[in-house]
Amino acid sequence: MRKAIILSTAVMFLAVGCASMPAKAVVPKERTGMVASKITEAEQLGAKGCAPRTLAKAKVALDHVLHELEEGYYHPSWLEPDIAAAEKAAEELLAERKFAATLGTRFRCVSNPQTEPGGTGSRQGG
């Protein structure tokens, strides 16, 4: 009987303590700023010419979140999935461009494969 009282008291204090803790604050403006900087870095690494679809996907995801933020009536927790999608798209784009940059001059982007001599794809050995 005594153990049950002690246990229920401990659970009660734990529940009260957890309820009084503030929720983790979501700062959408800072996160969208980080996404925008990743997209900018990927553009500097040649994403516009080499990965236009991936770049467009990341920009559209970021624009969607920014639009929702400007509207102002979305709760930050509602924005979380959209922010996470924009972060994922930007991270994939940046990782792809960083990997391509590590390959150096072995590969080059071909913006228009039909006009390049022997161009049949978006990457050719150099």
Protein backbone atom coordinates (compact mmCIF):
# COMPACT_ATOMS: atom_id res chain seq x y z
CA MET A 1 0.00 0.00 0.00
CA ARG A 2 2.78 2.37 0.92
CA LYS A 3 4.63 1.69 -2.38
CA ALA A 4 1.49 2.49 -4.35
CA ILE A 5 1.09 5.86 -2.60
CA ILE A 6 4.74 6.75 -3.19
CA LEU A 7 4.52 5.65 -6.80
CA SER A 8 1.31 7.61 -7.47
CA THR A 9 2.81 10.69 -5.81
CA ALA A 10 5.93 10.43 -7.96
CA VAL A 11 3.83 10.06 -11.12
CA MET A 12 1.74 13.08 -10.11
CA PHE A 13 4.84 15.26 -9.61
CA LEU A 14 6.27 14.05 -12.90
CA ALA A 15 3.04 14.86 -14.73
CA VAL A 16 2.83 18.32 -13.17
CA GLY A 17 6.49 19.00 -14.02
CA CYS A 18 6.06 17.93 -17.65
CA ALA A 19 2.89 19.97 -18.05
CA SER A 20 4.59 23.12 -16.78
CA MET A 21 7.56 22.81 -19.15
CA PRO A 22 7.35 25.10 -22.17
CA ALA A 23 7.08 23.43 -25.54
CA LYS A 24 10.05 23.57 -27.86
CA ALA A 25 9.80 26.86 -29.69
CA VAL A 26 9.71 26.66 -33.46
CA VAL A 27 11.32 29.67 -35.09
CA PRO A 28 10.17 29.49 -38.71
CA LYS A 29 11.89 32.71 -39.84
CA GLU A 30 15.33 31.47 -38.80
CA ARG A 31 14.78 28.07 -40.37
CA THR A 32 13.60 29.54 -43.67
CA GLY A 33 16.67 31.79 -43.63
CA MET A 34 18.90 28.73 -43.32
CA VAL A 35 17.03 27.04 -46.19
CA ALA A 36 17.49 30.13 -48.35
CA SER A 37 21.22 30.20 -47.60
CA LYS A 38 21.56 26.53 -48.59
CA ILE A 39 19.76 27.22 -51.86
CA THR A 40 22.02 30.21 -52.52
CA GLU A 41 25.12 28.13 -51.83
CA ALA A 42 23.88 25.42 -54.20
CA GLU A 43 23.28 28.06 -56.88
CA GLN A 44 26.86 29.24 -56.45
CA LEU A 45 27.97 25.65 -56.99
CA GLY A 46 26.18 25.55 -60.35
CA ALA A 47 22.74 24.23 -59.50
CA LYS A 48 21.03 26.47 -62.05
CA GLY A 49 22.78 24.82 -64.97
CA CYS A 50 23.28 21.30 -63.63
CA ALA A 51 20.25 20.59 -61.46
CA PRO A 52 17.45 22.95 -62.48
CA ARG A 53 14.62 20.62 -61.42
CA THR A 54 16.05 20.02 -57.97
CA LEU A 55 16.71 23.74 -57.62
CA ALA A 56 13.14 24.56 -58.65
CA LYS A 57 11.76 22.00 -56.20
CA ALA A 58 13.71 23.57 -53.33
CA LYS A 59 12.72 27.11 -54.30
CA VAL A 60 9.03 26.22 -54.61
CA ALA A 61 9.06 24.51 -51.20
CA LEU A 62 10.70 27.58 -49.66
CA ASP A 63 8.29 29.98 -51.39
CA HIS A 64 5.35 27.94 -50.10
CA VAL A 65 6.56 28.24 -46.50
CA LEU A 66 7.34 31.94 -46.87
CA HIS A 67 3.86 32.56 -48.24
CA GLU A 68 2.27 30.77 -45.28
CA LEU A 69 4.43 32.80 -42.89
CA GLU A 70 3.37 36.05 -44.55
CA GLU A 71 -0.29 35.14 -44.18
CA GLY A 72 0.31 35.04 -40.44
CA TYR A 73 -2.57 32.87 -39.28
CA TYR A 74 -0.79 29.53 -39.36
CA HIS A 75 0.41 28.17 -36.04
CA PRO A 76 4.13 27.32 -36.11
CA SER A 77 3.37 23.66 -35.42
CA TRP A 78 1.21 23.59 -38.56
CA LEU A 79 4.13 24.91 -40.58
CA GLU A 80 6.53 22.22 -39.35
CA PRO A 81 5.86 19.65 -42.12
CA ASP A 82 6.23 22.28 -44.84
CA ILE A 83 9.42 23.68 -43.30
CA ALA A 84 10.82 20.17 -42.97
CA ALA A 85 10.03 19.49 -46.65
CA ALA A 86 11.78 22.71 -47.70
CA GLU A 87 14.80 21.84 -45.53
CA LYS A 88 14.97 18.36 -47.02
CA ALA A 89 14.78 19.65 -50.60
CA ALA A 90 17.49 22.25 -49.95
CA GLU A 91 19.75 19.75 -48.19
CA GLU A 92 19.42 17.25 -51.04
CA LEU A 93 20.23 19.94 -53.59
CA LEU A 94 23.23 21.18 -51.64
CA ALA A 95 24.54 17.66 -51.02
CA GLU A 96 24.26 16.88 -54.73
CA ARG A 97 26.12 20.04 -55.71
CA LYS A 98 28.84 19.56 -53.08
CA PHE A 99 29.39 16.02 -54.31
CA ALA A 100 29.64 17.26 -57.89
CA ALA A 101 32.11 19.94 -56.75
CA THR A 102 34.33 17.29 -55.15
CA LEU A 103 34.57 15.48 -58.49
CA GLY A 104 36.30 18.53 -59.89
CA THR A 105 36.81 18.79 -63.63
CA ARG A 106 36.07 15.14 -64.38
CA PHE A 107 32.43 16.05 -64.98
CA ARG A 108 30.93 19.18 -66.40
CA CYS A 109 27.38 20.35 -66.83
CA VAL A 110 25.91 20.67 -70.25
CA SER A 111 23.11 23.19 -70.23
CA ASN A 112 21.86 22.18 -73.69
CA PRO A 113 22.95 18.64 -74.63
CA GLN A 114 21.79 18.99 -78.25
CA THR A 115 24.10 21.94 -78.99
CA GLU A 116 27.20 20.50 -77.32
CA PRO A 117 29.43 18.29 -79.48
CA GLY A 118 28.66 14.68 -78.64
CA GLY A 119 26.24 15.74 -75.95
CA THR A 120 23.71 13.08 -75.13
CA GLY A 121 23.26 13.69 -71.41
CA SER A 122 23.60 16.24 -68.69
CA ARG A 123 27.07 15.08 -67.60
CA GLN A 124 30.00 14.12 -69.71
CA GLY A 125 33.53 13.11 -68.93
CA GLY A 126 36.07 15.84 -69.48
